[in-house]
Structure formats: C-alpha cells, structure tokens
C-alpha cells in the first residue's frame, strides 16, 4: 500500500524478501519499521531500488498467497 502523508511518503511493504537488507541499505535516506517504509521526498532515494523493493515484495506476497490457496 501507499499513503502520501503530509510528513512523508509511507509505503506499507515488508522486508522478508530475498536481498532485502542489501536493497534497503542502497535505497538512500529513509526510515523503516516492521511493515512501513518512510521517505521524506523521492529525491532522497534511488527510484530503481524502490522499484525493485516493491517488485520483490509483491512477488513474495503472491507466492505466499498461492501457497495458502494450495493448502
């Protein structure tokens, strides 16, 4: 999910996908909690890295959902 708040841009995104630590460390200026990524402005980060984080988290979410359906 995504929420453009007054204080920052908030992405509701996980950090349990492959390569998460490396990607987040390369992202740029941000804050992270368990399921949220906070960015003050897009100029503070590497957009390609953000795109990769979103893609990997989405792929992991789909994988989890497919495994639950198969149960």
C-alpha atoms as a PDB file:
ATOM      1  CA  UNK A   1       0.000   0.000   0.000  1.00  0.00           C
ATOM      2  CA  UNK A   2       0.906   3.641  -0.295  1.00  0.00           C
ATOM      3  CA  UNK A   3      -0.061   6.735   1.693  1.00  0.00           C
ATOM      4  CA  UNK A   4       1.149  10.226   0.731  1.00  0.00           C
ATOM      5  CA  UNK A   5       1.119  11.871   4.151  1.00  0.00           C
ATOM      6  CA  UNK A   6       1.984  15.456   4.981  1.00  0.00           C
ATOM      7  CA  UNK A   7       5.165  14.481   6.847  1.00  0.00           C
ATOM      8  CA  UNK A   8       6.376  11.811   4.415  1.00  0.00           C
ATOM      9  CA  UNK A   9       5.516   9.185   1.825  1.00  0.00           C
ATOM     10  CA  UNK A  10       4.592   5.914   3.503  1.00  0.00           C
ATOM     11  CA  UNK A  11       4.822   2.551   1.772  1.00  0.00           C
ATOM     12  CA  UNK A  12       3.292  -0.461   3.505  1.00  0.00           C
ATOM     13  CA  UNK A  13       5.827  -3.041   2.482  1.00  0.00           C
ATOM     14  CA  UNK A  14       7.640  -5.979   4.008  1.00  0.00           C
ATOM     15  CA  UNK A  15      11.289  -6.737   4.421  1.00  0.00           C
ATOM     16  CA  UNK A  16      11.354 -10.533   4.304  1.00  0.00           C
ATOM     17  CA  UNK A  17      12.122 -10.986   0.622  1.00  0.00           C
ATOM     18  CA  UNK A  18      15.437 -12.135  -0.811  1.00  0.00           C
ATOM     19  CA  UNK A  19      18.045  -9.378  -0.835  1.00  0.00           C
ATOM     20  CA  UNK A  20      16.016  -7.012   1.360  1.00  0.00           C
ATOM     21  CA  UNK A  21      18.897  -5.868   3.571  1.00  0.00           C
ATOM     22  CA  UNK A  22      21.091  -5.038   0.583  1.00  0.00           C
ATOM     23  CA  UNK A  23      18.337  -3.176  -1.229  1.00  0.00           C
ATOM     24  CA  UNK A  24      17.288  -1.138   1.786  1.00  0.00           C
ATOM     25  CA  UNK A  25      20.909  -0.211   2.517  1.00  0.00           C
ATOM     26  CA  UNK A  26      21.244   1.037  -1.094  1.00  0.00           C
ATOM     27  CA  UNK A  27      17.921   2.888  -1.143  1.00  0.00           C
ATOM     28  CA  UNK A  28      19.053   6.222   0.244  1.00  0.00           C
ATOM     29  CA  UNK A  29      17.622   8.372   3.021  1.00  0.00           C
ATOM     30  CA  UNK A  30      14.633   6.566   4.566  1.00  0.00           C
ATOM     31  CA  UNK A  31      13.215   5.161   7.790  1.00  0.00           C
ATOM     32  CA  UNK A  32      11.917   1.636   8.186  1.00  0.00           C
ATOM     33  CA  UNK A  33       9.662  -0.121  10.671  1.00  0.00           C
ATOM     34  CA  UNK A  34       8.349  -3.676  10.609  1.00  0.00           C
ATOM     35  CA  UNK A  35       5.926  -3.127   7.745  1.00  0.00           C
ATOM     36  CA  UNK A  36       6.404   0.509   6.733  1.00  0.00           C
ATOM     37  CA  UNK A  37       8.923   2.402   4.658  1.00  0.00           C
ATOM     38  CA  UNK A  38       9.021   6.170   5.212  1.00  0.00           C
ATOM     39  CA  UNK A  39      10.517   8.545   2.646  1.00  0.00           C
ATOM     40  CA  UNK A  40      10.543  12.320   3.030  1.00  0.00           C
ATOM     41  CA  UNK A  41      10.847  13.029  -0.697  1.00  0.00           C
ATOM     42  CA  UNK A  42      11.577  10.980  -3.794  1.00  0.00           C
ATOM     43  CA  UNK A  43      14.764  12.947  -4.466  1.00  0.00           C
ATOM     44  CA  UNK A  44      16.212  11.372  -1.290  1.00  0.00           C
ATOM     45  CA  UNK A  45      16.183   7.833  -2.698  1.00  0.00           C
ATOM     46  CA  UNK A  46      17.194   5.730  -5.680  1.00  0.00           C
ATOM     47  CA  UNK A  47      13.933   5.139  -7.564  1.00  0.00           C
ATOM     48  CA  UNK A  48      15.213   1.997  -9.296  1.00  0.00           C
ATOM     49  CA  UNK A  49      15.976   0.474  -5.898  1.00  0.00           C
ATOM     50  CA  UNK A  50      12.482   1.379  -4.639  1.00  0.00           C
ATOM     51  CA  UNK A  51      11.000  -0.221  -7.750  1.00  0.00           C
ATOM     52  CA  UNK A  52      12.984  -3.401  -7.091  1.00  0.00           C
ATOM     53  CA  UNK A  53      11.898  -3.479  -3.428  1.00  0.00           C
ATOM     54  CA  UNK A  54       8.246  -3.144  -4.455  1.00  0.00           C
ATOM     55  CA  UNK A  55       8.575  -5.827  -7.154  1.00  0.00           C
ATOM     56  CA  UNK A  56      10.274  -8.328  -4.840  1.00  0.00           C
ATOM     57  CA  UNK A  57       7.830  -7.773  -2.002  1.00  0.00           C
ATOM     58  CA  UNK A  58       4.892  -8.139  -4.387  1.00  0.00           C
ATOM     59  CA  UNK A  59       6.327 -11.360  -5.814  1.00  0.00           C
ATOM     60  CA  UNK A  60       6.813 -12.744  -2.298  1.00  0.00           C
ATOM     61  CA  UNK A  61       3.239 -11.800  -1.367  1.00  0.00           C
ATOM     62  CA  UNK A  62       1.906 -13.606  -4.439  1.00  0.00           C
ATOM     63  CA  UNK A  63       3.992 -16.664  -3.602  1.00  0.00           C
ATOM     64  CA  UNK A  64       2.592 -16.744  -0.060  1.00  0.00           C
ATOM     65  CA  UNK A  65      -0.978 -16.356  -1.313  1.00  0.00           C
ATOM     66  CA  UNK A  66      -0.558 -19.144  -3.873  1.00  0.00           C
ATOM     67  CA  UNK A  67       0.827 -21.486  -1.219  1.00  0.00           C
ATOM     68  CA  UNK A  68      -2.142 -20.740   1.052  1.00  0.00           C
ATOM     69  CA  UNK A  69      -4.618 -21.451  -1.728  1.00  0.00           C
ATOM     70  CA  UNK A  70      -2.867 -24.760  -2.388  1.00  0.00           C
ATOM     71  CA  UNK A  71      -3.185 -25.849   1.258  1.00  0.00           C
END
